[in-house]
Amino acid sequence: MTIAALILDRVGGRSWSEAISLTTPLWISGLASAGVGFWGVPFLKALKAGQIIREDGPQSHLKKAGTPTMGGAFFVPVALLIALVLTGFSSDAMAVSLLTLGYAAIGFVDDWQIIRQKSNKGISPRMKLGLQIGFAIAFCLWLIMTHPTLTTLALPLGIMLPLGSLFALLACFVLVAESNATNLTDGMDGLAGGTVAIAFLGLGAIVAPTNSDLMIFCACMSGSCLGFLVHNRNPARVFMGDTGSLALGGGLAAVGLLSNSLFSLLILSGLFFWETISVIIQVSYFKATKNSSGVGKRFFRMSPFHNHLELSGWTETQVVGWFYAIAAVLAAIGLAIR
């Protein structure tokens, strides 16, 4: 990933010396996250914070039951703390960090409810969505008050699409949608951690010329995800849980909004977007093909799409490897057409 960071910077037209500003926070955060994990994983085990596996999921996942979850509780704060220190607690870094922490808190409550009730159902979907929208509105209000010119959508070829008051609605939608998309992607050992690390690295390179504080935040989040993979790679010793997956999506969206890089974020989040679309297709097709007994047909073997691939004969490592490769291509494309 260090080489990838340097290459992405060079593609973006930055010098090798400037590229160090992206790789240094990535390394610091990565080493710190991996190190804290050697304490955090045993601590989660001691709390008996074992994952509850859904019975209707892939049968191969049942053996993962009891693996500690809520790993986001240690690698997300590490990234945020380092990012704040390295940016001198700048207002932009603090804003995206608070939004990320807020979404992590939602995930933490959800994870804790699952563990406490020993069920794969945490807080109600309505409550979770309401909390996500609440934090999104708070971030958007701050955005409007501090960056009143952010009412346009930047598109390729220098096209600026004025949205006016609609920008706030778009911003709230992006925050909620992105956090849920990364949440859906978190279903295999190392899948969300690695793909989100690549997305953050690409986004960091994209925003670097205009906002060094957001670049550092992205590099720290990417590095912390990589450090988490030391413990989350197959076979995983810990899962990030909603504590991590909701926070990661929120962080990506917050940076994309604040840097006016939503189009690039859409490209970088292509995998997460497809995972979400696969769920929508599955649910819609099932409802549309319901018979008189209330039983419908399935478009995929199982959604999200990574589960479909696994049930089609792919191994977890094959799925994760291909998703990493696609994420890297998307990051390069996003940087090229920014």
Protein backbone atom coordinates (compact mmCIF):
# COMPACT_ATOMS: atom_id res chain seq x y z
CA MET A 1 0.00 0.00 0.00
CA THR A 2 2.94 2.34 0.57
CA ILE A 3 4.03 1.85 -3.04
CA ALA A 4 0.41 2.33 -4.13
CA ALA A 5 0.24 5.61 -2.21
CA LEU A 6 3.38 6.88 -3.91
CA ILE A 7 2.15 5.79 -7.35
CA LEU A 8 -1.25 7.41 -6.83
CA ASP A 9 0.45 10.65 -5.88
CA ARG A 10 2.69 10.54 -8.92
CA VAL A 11 -0.32 9.90 -11.16
CA GLY A 12 -1.86 12.97 -9.56
CA GLY A 13 1.16 15.04 -10.57
CA ARG A 14 2.78 15.40 -7.17
CA SER A 15 6.52 15.09 -6.47
CA TRP A 16 8.04 12.18 -4.56
CA SER A 17 8.78 14.47 -1.62
CA GLU A 18 5.15 15.61 -1.53
CA ALA A 19 3.99 12.01 -1.70
CA ILE A 20 5.58 11.37 1.67
CA SER A 21 2.84 13.53 3.20
CA LEU A 22 0.35 10.83 2.20
CA THR A 23 2.40 7.75 3.10
CA THR A 24 3.73 8.95 6.46
CA PRO A 25 0.33 9.23 8.22
CA LEU A 26 -0.67 5.96 6.56
CA TRP A 27 2.32 4.20 8.10
CA ILE A 28 1.90 5.80 11.53
CA SER A 29 -1.79 4.94 11.71
CA GLY A 30 -1.26 1.44 10.32
CA LEU A 31 1.42 0.52 12.84
CA ALA A 32 -0.55 2.04 15.70
CA SER A 33 -3.75 0.22 14.72
CA ALA A 34 -1.99 -3.12 14.35
CA GLY A 35 -0.25 -2.63 17.69
CA VAL A 36 -3.40 -1.66 19.57
CA GLY A 37 -5.10 -4.70 18.07
CA PHE A 38 -2.77 -7.05 19.95
CA TRP A 39 -4.34 -5.65 23.12
CA GLY A 40 -7.82 -4.98 21.73
CA VAL A 41 -8.59 -8.45 20.38
CA PRO A 42 -7.89 -10.26 23.70
CA PHE A 43 -9.88 -7.55 25.49
CA LEU A 44 -12.90 -8.17 23.26
CA LYS A 45 -12.54 -11.90 23.90
CA ALA A 46 -12.52 -11.25 27.64
CA LEU A 47 -15.74 -9.26 27.23
CA LYS A 48 -17.22 -12.27 25.44
CA ALA A 49 -18.06 -9.98 22.53
CA GLY A 50 -18.51 -12.89 20.14
CA GLN A 51 -20.17 -12.49 16.76
CA ILE A 52 -23.63 -14.00 16.30
CA ILE A 53 -23.83 -15.55 12.81
CA ARG A 54 -27.13 -15.34 10.94
CA GLU A 55 -28.50 -18.84 10.33
CA ASP A 56 -29.80 -17.99 6.85
CA GLY A 57 -26.35 -16.91 5.68
CA PRO A 58 -23.70 -19.07 3.98
CA GLN A 59 -23.28 -22.25 6.00
CA SER A 60 -19.50 -21.94 5.82
CA HIS A 61 -19.78 -18.83 8.03
CA LEU A 62 -21.32 -20.72 10.96
CA LYS A 63 -17.86 -21.80 12.10
CA LYS A 64 -17.06 -18.11 12.67
CA ALA A 65 -19.56 -17.86 15.49
CA GLY A 66 -17.94 -16.55 18.66
CA THR A 67 -15.19 -14.62 16.88
CA PRO A 68 -14.86 -11.24 18.67
CA THR A 69 -16.61 -8.35 16.97
CA MET A 70 -16.70 -4.55 17.53
CA GLY A 71 -13.11 -4.29 16.26
CA GLY A 72 -14.01 -0.84 14.99
CA ALA A 73 -13.94 0.27 18.61
CA PHE A 74 -10.14 0.17 18.57
CA PHE A 75 -8.99 0.88 15.01
CA VAL A 76 -11.35 3.79 14.21
CA PRO A 77 -10.42 5.90 17.29
CA VAL A 78 -6.73 5.28 16.56
CA ALA A 79 -7.11 6.77 13.08
CA LEU A 80 -9.13 9.74 14.31
CA LEU A 81 -6.74 10.60 17.13
CA ILE A 82 -3.67 10.46 14.88
CA ALA A 83 -5.42 12.47 12.16
CA LEU A 84 -6.40 15.18 14.65
CA VAL A 85 -2.88 15.40 16.09
CA LEU A 86 -1.21 15.54 12.67
CA THR A 87 -3.62 18.23 11.41
CA GLY A 88 -3.34 20.31 14.57
CA PHE A 89 -7.02 19.73 15.33
CA SER A 90 -8.10 21.70 12.27
CA SER A 91 -11.81 22.44 11.91
CA ASP A 92 -12.22 20.25 8.81
CA ALA A 93 -10.47 17.29 10.43
CA MET A 94 -12.49 17.69 13.61
CA ALA A 95 -15.78 17.84 11.69
CA VAL A 96 -15.20 14.67 9.66
CA SER A 97 -13.78 12.94 12.74
CA LEU A 98 -16.87 13.77 14.82
CA LEU A 99 -19.17 12.54 12.06
CA THR A 100 -17.14 9.34 11.79
CA LEU A 101 -17.19 8.89 15.57
CA GLY A 102 -20.94 9.50 15.61
CA TYR A 103 -21.55 6.74 13.09
CA ALA A 104 -19.19 4.48 15.02
CA ALA A 105 -21.31 5.12 18.12
CA ILE A 106 -24.45 4.02 16.25
CA GLY A 107 -22.68 0.84 15.21
CA PHE A 108 -21.37 0.27 18.73
CA VAL A 109 -24.88 0.41 20.20
CA ASP A 110 -26.11 -1.96 17.50
CA ASP A 111 -23.23 -4.40 18.06
CA TRP A 112 -23.68 -4.29 21.82
CA GLN A 113 -27.38 -5.07 21.53
CA ILE A 114 -26.59 -8.07 19.33
CA ILE A 115 -24.05 -9.37 21.85
CA ARG A 116 -26.23 -8.69 24.89
CA GLN A 117 -29.32 -10.30 23.40
CA LYS A 118 -27.32 -13.10 21.72
CA SER A 119 -29.24 -12.47 18.53
CA ASN A 120 -28.21 -11.14 15.12
CA LYS A 121 -30.81 -8.37 15.50
CA GLY A 122 -29.54 -5.23 17.19
CA ILE A 123 -31.36 -1.92 17.38
CA SER A 124 -34.36 -1.58 15.07
CA PRO A 125 -33.68 -0.56 11.45
CA ARG A 126 -35.90 2.50 11.98
CA MET A 127 -33.88 3.65 14.99
CA LYS A 128 -30.58 3.01 13.22
CA LEU A 129 -31.71 4.97 10.16
CA GLY A 130 -33.06 7.77 12.34
CA LEU A 131 -29.74 8.13 14.16
CA GLN A 132 -27.83 8.10 10.87
CA ILE A 133 -30.06 10.84 9.48
CA GLY A 134 -29.71 12.83 12.70
CA PHE A 135 -25.90 12.86 12.53
CA ALA A 136 -26.09 13.59 8.80
CA ILE A 137 -28.30 16.63 9.40
CA ALA A 138 -25.94 17.91 12.10
CA PHE A 139 -22.96 17.59 9.73
CA CYS A 140 -24.86 19.28 6.90
CA LEU A 141 -25.83 22.21 9.13
CA TRP A 142 -22.16 22.68 10.05
CA LEU A 143 -21.25 22.40 6.36
CA ILE A 144 -23.76 25.08 5.35
CA MET A 145 -22.69 27.47 8.13
CA THR A 146 -18.94 27.13 7.57
CA HIS A 147 -18.80 26.49 3.80
CA PRO A 148 -21.77 28.40 2.32
CA THR A 149 -20.30 28.17 -1.20
CA LEU A 150 -20.62 24.38 -1.19
CA THR A 151 -23.94 24.33 -3.04
CA THR A 152 -22.68 23.01 -6.38
CA LEU A 153 -21.85 19.53 -7.56
CA ALA A 154 -18.47 19.24 -9.27
CA LEU A 155 -18.53 17.01 -12.36
CA PRO A 156 -15.78 15.96 -14.80
CA LEU A 157 -14.50 18.42 -17.44
CA GLY A 158 -14.87 21.29 -15.00
CA ILE A 159 -18.66 21.24 -15.09
CA MET A 160 -20.29 22.73 -11.98
CA LEU A 161 -23.94 21.87 -11.39
CA PRO A 162 -25.63 24.37 -9.04
CA LEU A 163 -27.97 22.64 -6.58
CA GLY A 164 -28.81 25.38 -4.11
CA SER A 165 -30.79 24.10 -1.15
CA LEU A 166 -30.98 20.64 -2.76
CA PHE A 167 -27.31 20.16 -1.92
CA ALA A 168 -28.18 19.63 1.75
CA LEU A 169 -30.63 16.86 0.84
CA LEU A 170 -28.03 15.27 -1.41
CA ALA A 171 -25.44 15.50 1.37
CA CYS A 172 -27.68 13.75 3.90
CA PHE A 173 -28.49 11.03 1.39
CA VAL A 174 -24.81 10.45 0.57
CA LEU A 175 -23.85 10.14 4.25
CA VAL A 176 -26.56 7.61 5.03
CA ALA A 177 -26.17 5.68 1.78
CA GLU A 178 -22.38 5.42 1.96
CA SER A 179 -22.37 4.22 5.56
CA ASN A 180 -24.95 1.54 4.80
CA ALA A 181 -23.10 0.50 1.64
CA THR A 182 -19.84 -0.17 3.49
CA ASN A 183 -21.87 -1.92 6.17
CA LEU A 184 -23.29 -4.33 3.56
CA THR A 185 -19.80 -4.96 2.16
CA ASP A 186 -18.55 -6.13 5.55
CA GLY A 187 -19.33 -9.83 5.18
CA MET A 188 -16.05 -11.68 4.64
CA ASP A 189 -12.67 -11.75 6.35
CA GLY A 190 -10.76 -8.67 5.25
CA LEU A 191 -13.30 -7.62 2.60
CA ALA A 192 -14.50 -4.27 3.93
CA GLY A 193 -11.21 -3.42 5.63
CA GLY A 194 -9.15 -3.81 2.47
CA THR A 195 -11.54 -2.28 -0.04
CA VAL A 196 -12.25 0.73 2.18
CA ALA A 197 -8.51 1.18 2.79
CA ILE A 198 -8.02 1.43 -0.98
CA ALA A 199 -10.96 3.82 -1.35
CA PHE A 200 -9.63 6.10 1.40
CA LEU A 201 -6.17 6.05 -0.14
CA GLY A 202 -7.56 7.03 -3.55
CA LEU A 203 -9.73 9.75 -2.03
CA GLY A 204 -6.75 11.07 -0.09
CA ALA A 205 -4.75 11.42 -3.29
CA ILE A 206 -7.68 13.17 -4.97
CA VAL A 207 -8.18 15.81 -2.26
CA ALA A 208 -4.46 16.33 -1.57
CA PRO A 209 -3.97 19.32 -3.92
CA THR A 210 -6.80 21.29 -2.31
CA ASN A 211 -7.02 20.18 1.32
CA SER A 212 -4.02 18.67 3.08
CA ASP A 213 -5.98 18.14 6.30
CA LEU A 214 -8.53 15.91 4.60
CA MET A 215 -5.67 14.12 2.83
CA ILE A 216 -4.11 13.30 6.21
CA PHE A 217 -7.47 12.14 7.56
CA CYS A 218 -7.91 9.79 4.58
CA ALA A 219 -4.36 8.45 4.89
CA CYS A 220 -4.87 7.78 8.61
CA MET A 221 -8.17 5.98 8.00
CA SER A 222 -6.59 3.92 5.22
CA GLY A 223 -3.61 3.03 7.37
CA SER A 224 -5.77 2.10 10.33
CA CYS A 225 -7.83 -0.22 8.11
CA LEU A 226 -4.59 -1.87 7.00
CA GLY A 227 -3.47 -2.26 10.60
CA PHE A 228 -6.83 -3.84 11.40
CA LEU A 229 -6.30 -6.33 8.56
CA VAL A 230 -3.38 -7.79 10.53
CA HIS A 231 -6.06 -9.24 12.81
CA ASN A 232 -8.97 -9.42 10.34
CA ARG A 233 -7.35 -11.23 7.41
CA ASN A 234 -8.52 -14.78 6.69
CA PRO A 235 -9.00 -16.52 9.07
CA ALA A 236 -10.15 -13.48 11.01
CA ARG A 237 -9.37 -13.18 14.71
CA VAL A 238 -11.77 -10.23 15.02
CA PHE A 239 -14.53 -8.56 13.01
CA MET A 240 -15.02 -4.80 12.72
CA GLY A 241 -18.77 -5.00 13.33
CA ASP A 242 -21.15 -2.13 12.62
CA THR A 243 -18.90 -0.04 14.88
CA GLY A 244 -16.32 -0.06 12.12
CA SER A 245 -18.31 -0.46 8.91
CA LEU A 246 -20.79 2.37 9.54
CA ALA A 247 -17.97 4.69 10.63
CA LEU A 248 -15.88 3.99 7.53
CA GLY A 249 -18.70 4.82 5.14
CA GLY A 250 -19.54 7.95 7.08
CA GLY A 251 -15.93 9.09 6.95
CA LEU A 252 -15.68 8.55 3.19
CA ALA A 253 -18.89 10.48 2.58
CA ALA A 254 -17.90 13.35 4.88
CA VAL A 255 -14.60 13.86 3.05
CA GLY A 256 -16.31 13.60 -0.33
CA LEU A 257 -18.82 16.29 0.65
CA LEU A 258 -16.37 18.65 2.28
CA SER A 259 -13.94 18.44 -0.65
CA ASN A 260 -16.71 18.58 -3.27
CA SER A 261 -15.49 15.27 -4.68
CA LEU A 262 -18.80 13.42 -4.83
CA PHE A 263 -18.36 12.25 -8.41
CA SER A 264 -14.94 10.82 -7.61
CA LEU A 265 -16.40 9.25 -4.46
CA LEU A 266 -19.06 7.56 -6.58
CA ILE A 267 -16.33 5.98 -8.71
CA LEU A 268 -14.25 4.96 -5.69
CA SER A 269 -17.34 3.47 -4.02
CA GLY A 270 -18.34 1.45 -7.06
CA LEU A 271 -18.02 -1.86 -5.22
CA PHE A 272 -20.02 -0.66 -2.22
CA PHE A 273 -22.63 0.75 -4.59
CA TRP A 274 -22.95 -2.58 -6.39
CA GLU A 275 -23.26 -4.47 -3.11
CA THR A 276 -26.18 -2.20 -2.22
CA ILE A 277 -27.78 -2.53 -5.66
CA SER A 278 -27.54 -6.32 -5.44
CA VAL A 279 -29.59 -6.24 -2.22
CA ILE A 280 -32.19 -3.93 -3.79
CA ILE A 281 -32.45 -6.20 -6.85
CA GLN A 282 -32.81 -9.29 -4.66
CA VAL A 283 -35.56 -7.82 -2.49
CA SER A 284 -37.42 -6.25 -5.42
CA TYR A 285 -37.31 -9.42 -7.53
CA PHE A 286 -38.48 -11.53 -4.60
CA LYS A 287 -41.46 -9.25 -3.99
CA ALA A 288 -42.32 -9.03 -7.70
CA THR A 289 -42.36 -12.83 -8.13
CA LYS A 290 -44.33 -13.71 -5.01
CA ASN A 291 -46.94 -16.41 -5.56
CA SER A 292 -50.22 -16.91 -3.72
CA SER A 293 -48.31 -18.50 -0.84
CA GLY A 294 -46.14 -15.44 -0.40
CA VAL A 295 -43.00 -17.16 -1.71
CA GLY A 296 -40.94 -15.38 -4.36
CA LYS A 297 -37.94 -16.19 -6.52
CA ARG A 298 -34.38 -15.07 -5.88
CA PHE A 299 -32.37 -13.22 -8.52
CA PHE A 300 -29.06 -14.04 -6.80
CA ARG A 301 -28.25 -17.11 -4.75
CA MET A 302 -27.89 -14.71 -1.84
CA SER A 303 -27.27 -11.01 -1.40
CA PRO A 304 -25.14 -8.96 -0.99
CA PHE A 305 -23.24 -9.99 -4.12
CA HIS A 306 -20.17 -11.37 -2.32
CA ASN A 307 -22.43 -14.03 -0.78
CA HIS A 308 -23.72 -14.94 -4.24
CA LEU A 309 -20.16 -15.49 -5.44
CA GLU A 310 -19.33 -17.66 -2.44
CA LEU A 311 -22.41 -19.82 -2.94
CA SER A 312 -21.45 -20.09 -6.62
CA GLY A 313 -18.23 -21.87 -5.68
CA TRP A 314 -15.78 -19.04 -5.06
CA THR A 315 -13.64 -19.18 -1.94
CA GLU A 316 -13.58 -16.23 0.44
CA THR A 317 -9.99 -15.43 -0.48
CA GLN A 318 -10.85 -15.42 -4.20
CA VAL A 319 -13.73 -13.00 -3.67
CA VAL A 320 -11.67 -10.72 -1.46
CA GLY A 321 -8.71 -10.78 -3.86
CA TRP A 322 -10.84 -9.81 -6.85
CA PHE A 323 -12.63 -7.12 -4.89
CA TYR A 324 -9.26 -5.65 -3.90
CA ALA A 325 -8.17 -5.59 -7.54
CA ILE A 326 -11.39 -3.93 -8.68
CA ALA A 327 -11.17 -1.39 -5.85
CA ALA A 328 -7.64 -0.49 -6.95
CA VAL A 329 -8.76 0.01 -10.56
CA LEU A 330 -11.66 2.19 -9.42
CA ALA A 331 -9.28 4.28 -7.30
CA ALA A 332 -7.01 4.84 -10.30
CA ILE A 333 -9.98 5.80 -12.48
CA GLY A 334 -11.31 8.17 -9.85
CA LEU A 335 -7.94 9.90 -9.63
CA ALA A 336 -7.59 10.10 -13.42
CA ILE A 337 -10.96 11.77 -14.06
CA ARG A 338 -11.18 13.98 -10.96
